[in-house]
């Protein structure tokens, strides 16, 4: 992940005032690496994998979804994030086919 995007994501996370309810951590590769940037959201016992979160705008949509879920229970995944969702158990090459970059 380019440093500029990482800084923008950190800033968006701080501005969302999500500290305490949400956690943000960066790794070299959460997996699958070919689908970077991969985010994992775990709320209300449900895992959600999101791939190719490559713009701050898409990241802000993830934050809004995660905040809403944390505040009031499970909510429907926004259409803007549906194309980024995938199922993955941590093994193998990951999902196919890849979606287009944002």
N, C-alpha and C. Protein backbone atom coordinates (compact mmCIF):
# COMPACT_ATOMS: atom_id res chain seq x y z
N UNK A 1 0.85 -1.17 0.00
CA UNK A 1 0.00 0.00 0.00
C UNK A 1 0.90 1.24 0.00
N UNK A 2 0.69 2.13 -0.94
CA UNK A 2 1.48 3.36 -0.97
C UNK A 2 1.31 4.15 0.33
N UNK A 3 2.40 4.81 0.75
CA UNK A 3 2.37 5.58 2.00
C UNK A 3 1.31 6.65 2.03
N UNK A 4 1.07 7.31 0.90
CA UNK A 4 0.06 8.37 0.85
C UNK A 4 -1.32 7.82 1.15
N UNK A 5 -1.68 6.70 0.55
CA UNK A 5 -2.99 6.09 0.80
C UNK A 5 -3.11 5.66 2.25
N UNK A 6 -2.06 5.10 2.80
CA UNK A 6 -2.08 4.67 4.20
C UNK A 6 -2.31 5.88 5.12
N UNK A 7 -1.63 6.98 4.86
CA UNK A 7 -1.83 8.20 5.66
C UNK A 7 -3.25 8.71 5.54
N UNK A 8 -3.80 8.68 4.32
CA UNK A 8 -5.18 9.14 4.12
C UNK A 8 -6.16 8.25 4.87
N UNK A 9 -5.92 6.94 4.85
CA UNK A 9 -6.80 6.02 5.57
C UNK A 9 -6.71 6.23 7.08
N UNK A 10 -5.51 6.43 7.59
CA UNK A 10 -5.36 6.71 9.03
C UNK A 10 -6.10 7.99 9.41
N UNK A 11 -5.97 9.02 8.58
CA UNK A 11 -6.66 10.28 8.85
C UNK A 11 -8.17 10.08 8.83
N UNK A 12 -8.67 9.37 7.84
CA UNK A 12 -10.12 9.11 7.76
C UNK A 12 -10.60 8.33 8.98
N UNK A 13 -9.80 7.38 9.45
CA UNK A 13 -10.15 6.60 10.63
C UNK A 13 -10.23 7.50 11.86
N UNK A 14 -9.24 8.37 12.03
CA UNK A 14 -9.27 9.31 13.17
C UNK A 14 -10.47 10.24 13.09
N UNK A 15 -10.74 10.76 11.90
CA UNK A 15 -11.85 11.70 11.73
C UNK A 15 -13.20 11.03 11.94
N UNK A 16 -13.27 9.73 11.71
CA UNK A 16 -14.53 8.99 11.93
C UNK A 16 -14.80 8.79 13.41
N UNK A 17 -13.82 9.11 14.24
CA UNK A 17 -13.95 8.95 15.69
C UNK A 17 -14.42 7.55 16.05
N UNK A 18 -13.79 6.59 15.42
CA UNK A 18 -14.18 5.19 15.60
C UNK A 18 -13.35 4.49 16.67
N UNK A 19 -12.37 5.19 17.22
CA UNK A 19 -11.51 4.57 18.24
C UNK A 19 -12.35 4.02 19.38
N UNK A 20 -11.99 2.85 19.82
CA UNK A 20 -12.71 2.21 20.91
C UNK A 20 -13.76 1.24 20.42
N UNK A 21 -14.36 1.51 19.30
CA UNK A 21 -15.37 0.61 18.73
C UNK A 21 -14.81 -0.18 17.56
N UNK A 22 -13.88 0.43 16.85
CA UNK A 22 -13.26 -0.21 15.69
C UNK A 22 -11.75 -0.18 15.87
N UNK A 23 -11.09 -1.14 15.27
CA UNK A 23 -9.63 -1.18 15.30
C UNK A 23 -9.11 -1.15 13.88
N UNK A 24 -7.99 -0.50 13.72
CA UNK A 24 -7.35 -0.41 12.41
C UNK A 24 -5.90 -0.83 12.57
N UNK A 25 -5.46 -1.77 11.76
CA UNK A 25 -4.07 -2.20 11.76
C UNK A 25 -3.64 -2.45 10.32
N UNK A 26 -2.42 -2.10 10.01
CA UNK A 26 -1.87 -2.33 8.68
C UNK A 26 -0.87 -3.47 8.76
N UNK A 27 -0.88 -4.34 7.75
CA UNK A 27 0.07 -5.44 7.66
C UNK A 27 0.69 -5.41 6.27
N UNK A 28 1.73 -6.19 6.08
CA UNK A 28 2.30 -6.30 4.73
C UNK A 28 1.29 -6.94 3.79
N UNK A 29 0.67 -8.02 4.24
CA UNK A 29 -0.34 -8.69 3.42
C UNK A 29 -1.27 -9.47 4.33
N UNK A 30 -2.50 -9.03 4.43
CA UNK A 30 -3.50 -9.76 5.20
C UNK A 30 -3.93 -10.99 4.42
N UNK A 31 -3.91 -10.87 3.11
CA UNK A 31 -4.21 -11.97 2.21
C UNK A 31 -5.56 -11.81 1.56
N UNK A 32 -5.77 -12.37 0.44
CA UNK A 32 -4.76 -12.80 -0.52
C UNK A 32 -4.06 -11.58 -1.12
N UNK A 33 -2.77 -11.66 -1.22
CA UNK A 33 -1.95 -10.51 -1.62
C UNK A 33 -2.30 -9.99 -3.02
N UNK A 34 -2.73 -10.86 -3.90
CA UNK A 34 -3.08 -10.43 -5.26
C UNK A 34 -4.31 -9.55 -5.29
N UNK A 35 -5.06 -9.47 -4.21
CA UNK A 35 -6.29 -8.68 -4.15
C UNK A 35 -6.13 -7.44 -3.28
N UNK A 36 -4.90 -7.03 -3.02
CA UNK A 36 -4.65 -5.88 -2.15
C UNK A 36 -5.37 -4.64 -2.66
N UNK A 37 -5.84 -3.89 -1.78
CA UNK A 37 -5.71 -3.89 -0.33
C UNK A 37 -6.90 -4.62 0.28
N UNK A 38 -6.62 -5.58 1.15
CA UNK A 38 -7.65 -6.43 1.74
C UNK A 38 -7.97 -5.92 3.14
N UNK A 39 -9.26 -5.81 3.43
CA UNK A 39 -9.73 -5.45 4.76
C UNK A 39 -10.57 -6.58 5.31
N UNK A 40 -10.49 -6.75 6.61
CA UNK A 40 -11.30 -7.76 7.30
C UNK A 40 -12.12 -7.05 8.36
N UNK A 41 -13.44 -7.23 8.28
CA UNK A 41 -14.36 -6.65 9.26
C UNK A 41 -15.03 -7.81 9.98
N UNK A 42 -14.96 -7.80 11.30
CA UNK A 42 -15.62 -8.85 12.08
C UNK A 42 -16.57 -8.17 13.05
N UNK A 43 -17.85 -8.36 12.83
CA UNK A 43 -18.85 -7.72 13.68
C UNK A 43 -20.01 -8.67 13.90
N UNK A 44 -20.46 -8.73 15.14
CA UNK A 44 -21.63 -9.54 15.51
C UNK A 44 -21.46 -11.00 15.07
N UNK A 45 -20.24 -11.51 15.20
CA UNK A 45 -19.98 -12.90 14.86
C UNK A 45 -19.92 -13.21 13.39
N UNK A 46 -19.87 -12.19 12.56
CA UNK A 46 -19.84 -12.39 11.11
C UNK A 46 -18.55 -11.85 10.51
N UNK A 47 -17.81 -12.69 9.81
CA UNK A 47 -16.61 -12.19 9.12
C UNK A 47 -16.98 -11.59 7.77
N UNK A 48 -16.31 -10.53 7.41
CA UNK A 48 -16.50 -9.90 6.10
C UNK A 48 -15.14 -9.55 5.55
N UNK A 49 -14.81 -10.14 4.41
CA UNK A 49 -13.57 -9.84 3.71
C UNK A 49 -13.89 -8.89 2.57
N UNK A 50 -13.09 -7.84 2.43
CA UNK A 50 -13.24 -6.88 1.35
C UNK A 50 -11.90 -6.75 0.63
N UNK A 51 -11.94 -6.73 -0.69
CA UNK A 51 -10.71 -6.67 -1.49
C UNK A 51 -10.68 -5.41 -2.34
N UNK A 52 -9.47 -5.07 -2.73
CA UNK A 52 -9.21 -3.92 -3.59
C UNK A 52 -9.81 -2.62 -3.05
N UNK A 53 -9.55 -2.38 -1.80
CA UNK A 53 -9.94 -1.12 -1.18
C UNK A 53 -8.78 -0.16 -1.44
N UNK A 54 -8.80 0.45 -2.61
CA UNK A 54 -7.65 1.18 -3.11
C UNK A 54 -7.85 2.68 -3.23
N UNK A 55 -8.96 3.18 -2.69
CA UNK A 55 -9.17 4.63 -2.65
C UNK A 55 -9.64 5.00 -1.26
N UNK A 56 -9.35 6.23 -0.87
CA UNK A 56 -9.81 6.68 0.44
C UNK A 56 -11.33 6.76 0.48
N UNK A 57 -11.96 7.03 -0.65
CA UNK A 57 -13.43 7.10 -0.70
C UNK A 57 -14.04 5.73 -0.39
N UNK A 58 -13.49 4.68 -0.97
CA UNK A 58 -13.99 3.34 -0.69
C UNK A 58 -13.74 2.99 0.78
N UNK A 59 -12.58 3.36 1.29
CA UNK A 59 -12.27 3.11 2.70
C UNK A 59 -13.26 3.85 3.60
N UNK A 60 -13.61 5.08 3.26
CA UNK A 60 -14.59 5.82 4.06
C UNK A 60 -15.96 5.14 4.04
N UNK A 61 -16.32 4.51 2.92
CA UNK A 61 -17.56 3.75 2.85
C UNK A 61 -17.49 2.54 3.79
N UNK A 62 -16.33 1.88 3.83
CA UNK A 62 -16.14 0.77 4.77
C UNK A 62 -16.28 1.27 6.20
N UNK A 63 -15.66 2.40 6.51
CA UNK A 63 -15.76 2.96 7.86
C UNK A 63 -17.20 3.25 8.25
N UNK A 64 -17.94 3.87 7.34
CA UNK A 64 -19.34 4.19 7.63
C UNK A 64 -20.14 2.92 7.90
N UNK A 65 -19.92 1.90 7.10
CA UNK A 65 -20.61 0.62 7.29
C UNK A 65 -20.22 0.01 8.64
N UNK A 66 -18.94 -0.01 8.95
CA UNK A 66 -18.47 -0.61 10.20
C UNK A 66 -19.00 0.15 11.41
N UNK A 67 -19.01 1.47 11.34
CA UNK A 67 -19.56 2.27 12.46
C UNK A 67 -21.03 1.98 12.66
N UNK A 68 -21.79 1.96 11.58
CA UNK A 68 -23.23 1.70 11.68
C UNK A 68 -23.48 0.32 12.27
N UNK A 69 -22.70 -0.65 11.84
CA UNK A 69 -22.83 -2.01 12.35
C UNK A 69 -22.47 -2.06 13.83
N UNK A 70 -21.40 -1.38 14.22
CA UNK A 70 -20.96 -1.38 15.62
C UNK A 70 -21.97 -0.69 16.53
N UNK A 71 -22.64 0.32 16.01
CA UNK A 71 -23.57 1.09 16.83
C UNK A 71 -24.92 0.42 16.99
N UNK A 72 -25.37 -0.34 15.97
CA UNK A 72 -26.74 -0.81 16.07
C UNK A 72 -27.00 -2.23 15.65
N UNK A 73 -26.00 -2.99 15.41
CA UNK A 73 -26.25 -4.35 14.99
C UNK A 73 -26.01 -4.53 13.51
N UNK A 74 -26.17 -5.74 13.03
CA UNK A 74 -25.89 -6.02 11.62
C UNK A 74 -26.74 -5.16 10.68
N UNK A 75 -26.11 -4.65 9.66
CA UNK A 75 -26.80 -3.87 8.63
C UNK A 75 -26.42 -4.45 7.28
N UNK A 76 -27.23 -4.14 6.29
CA UNK A 76 -26.97 -4.62 4.93
C UNK A 76 -25.70 -3.98 4.38
N UNK A 77 -24.94 -4.75 3.64
CA UNK A 77 -23.73 -4.24 3.01
C UNK A 77 -24.13 -3.24 1.92
N UNK A 78 -23.56 -2.04 1.92
CA UNK A 78 -23.90 -1.06 0.89
C UNK A 78 -23.54 -1.59 -0.50
N UNK A 79 -24.34 -1.25 -1.50
CA UNK A 79 -24.05 -1.70 -2.87
C UNK A 79 -22.63 -1.32 -3.32
N UNK A 80 -22.13 -0.18 -2.88
CA UNK A 80 -20.79 0.24 -3.28
C UNK A 80 -19.71 -0.71 -2.77
N UNK A 81 -20.01 -1.48 -1.72
CA UNK A 81 -19.03 -2.42 -1.18
C UNK A 81 -19.27 -3.85 -1.64
N UNK A 82 -20.44 -4.13 -2.18
CA UNK A 82 -20.78 -5.50 -2.56
C UNK A 82 -19.78 -6.09 -3.55
N UNK A 83 -19.30 -5.28 -4.49
CA UNK A 83 -18.33 -5.78 -5.48
C UNK A 83 -16.98 -6.10 -4.86
N UNK A 84 -16.73 -5.59 -3.66
CA UNK A 84 -15.45 -5.82 -2.99
C UNK A 84 -15.49 -7.02 -2.04
N UNK A 85 -16.68 -7.51 -1.72
CA UNK A 85 -16.81 -8.61 -0.76
C UNK A 85 -16.42 -9.93 -1.40
N UNK A 86 -15.78 -10.78 -0.60
CA UNK A 86 -15.44 -12.12 -1.07
C UNK A 86 -15.34 -13.06 0.12
N UNK A 87 -15.45 -14.34 -0.17
CA UNK A 87 -15.31 -15.37 0.86
C UNK A 87 -13.90 -15.94 0.78
N UNK A 88 -13.27 -16.09 1.93
CA UNK A 88 -11.91 -16.61 1.95
C UNK A 88 -11.64 -17.21 3.32
N UNK A 89 -11.00 -18.36 3.34
CA UNK A 89 -10.71 -19.02 4.61
C UNK A 89 -9.25 -18.91 5.01
N UNK A 90 -8.47 -18.21 4.23
CA UNK A 90 -7.07 -18.02 4.56
C UNK A 90 -6.13 -18.97 3.85
N UNK A 91 -6.64 -19.83 3.00
CA UNK A 91 -5.78 -20.75 2.28
C UNK A 91 -5.93 -20.57 0.79
N UNK A 92 -4.96 -20.98 0.05
CA UNK A 92 -5.05 -20.92 -1.40
C UNK A 92 -4.82 -19.52 -1.94
N UNK A 93 -5.02 -19.36 -3.23
CA UNK A 93 -4.69 -18.09 -3.88
C UNK A 93 -5.71 -16.99 -3.67
N UNK A 94 -6.87 -17.30 -3.13
CA UNK A 94 -7.88 -16.27 -2.93
C UNK A 94 -8.96 -16.34 -3.98
N UNK A 95 -9.79 -15.31 -4.03
CA UNK A 95 -10.95 -15.32 -4.91
C UNK A 95 -10.58 -15.11 -6.37
N UNK A 96 -11.43 -15.61 -7.25
CA UNK A 96 -11.30 -15.35 -8.68
C UNK A 96 -12.69 -15.10 -9.23
N UNK A 97 -12.88 -14.37 -10.28
CA UNK A 97 -11.87 -13.55 -10.91
C UNK A 97 -11.67 -12.25 -10.15
N UNK A 98 -10.54 -11.58 -10.36
CA UNK A 98 -10.34 -10.30 -9.68
C UNK A 98 -11.28 -9.24 -10.25
N UNK A 99 -11.64 -8.29 -9.41
CA UNK A 99 -12.46 -7.18 -9.87
C UNK A 99 -11.53 -6.09 -10.39
N UNK A 100 -12.08 -5.17 -11.15
CA UNK A 100 -11.28 -4.08 -11.69
C UNK A 100 -10.85 -3.14 -10.57
N UNK A 101 -9.68 -2.55 -10.72
CA UNK A 101 -9.23 -1.54 -9.76
C UNK A 101 -10.17 -0.36 -9.80
N UNK A 102 -10.30 0.31 -8.65
CA UNK A 102 -11.11 1.54 -8.58
C UNK A 102 -10.45 2.63 -9.38
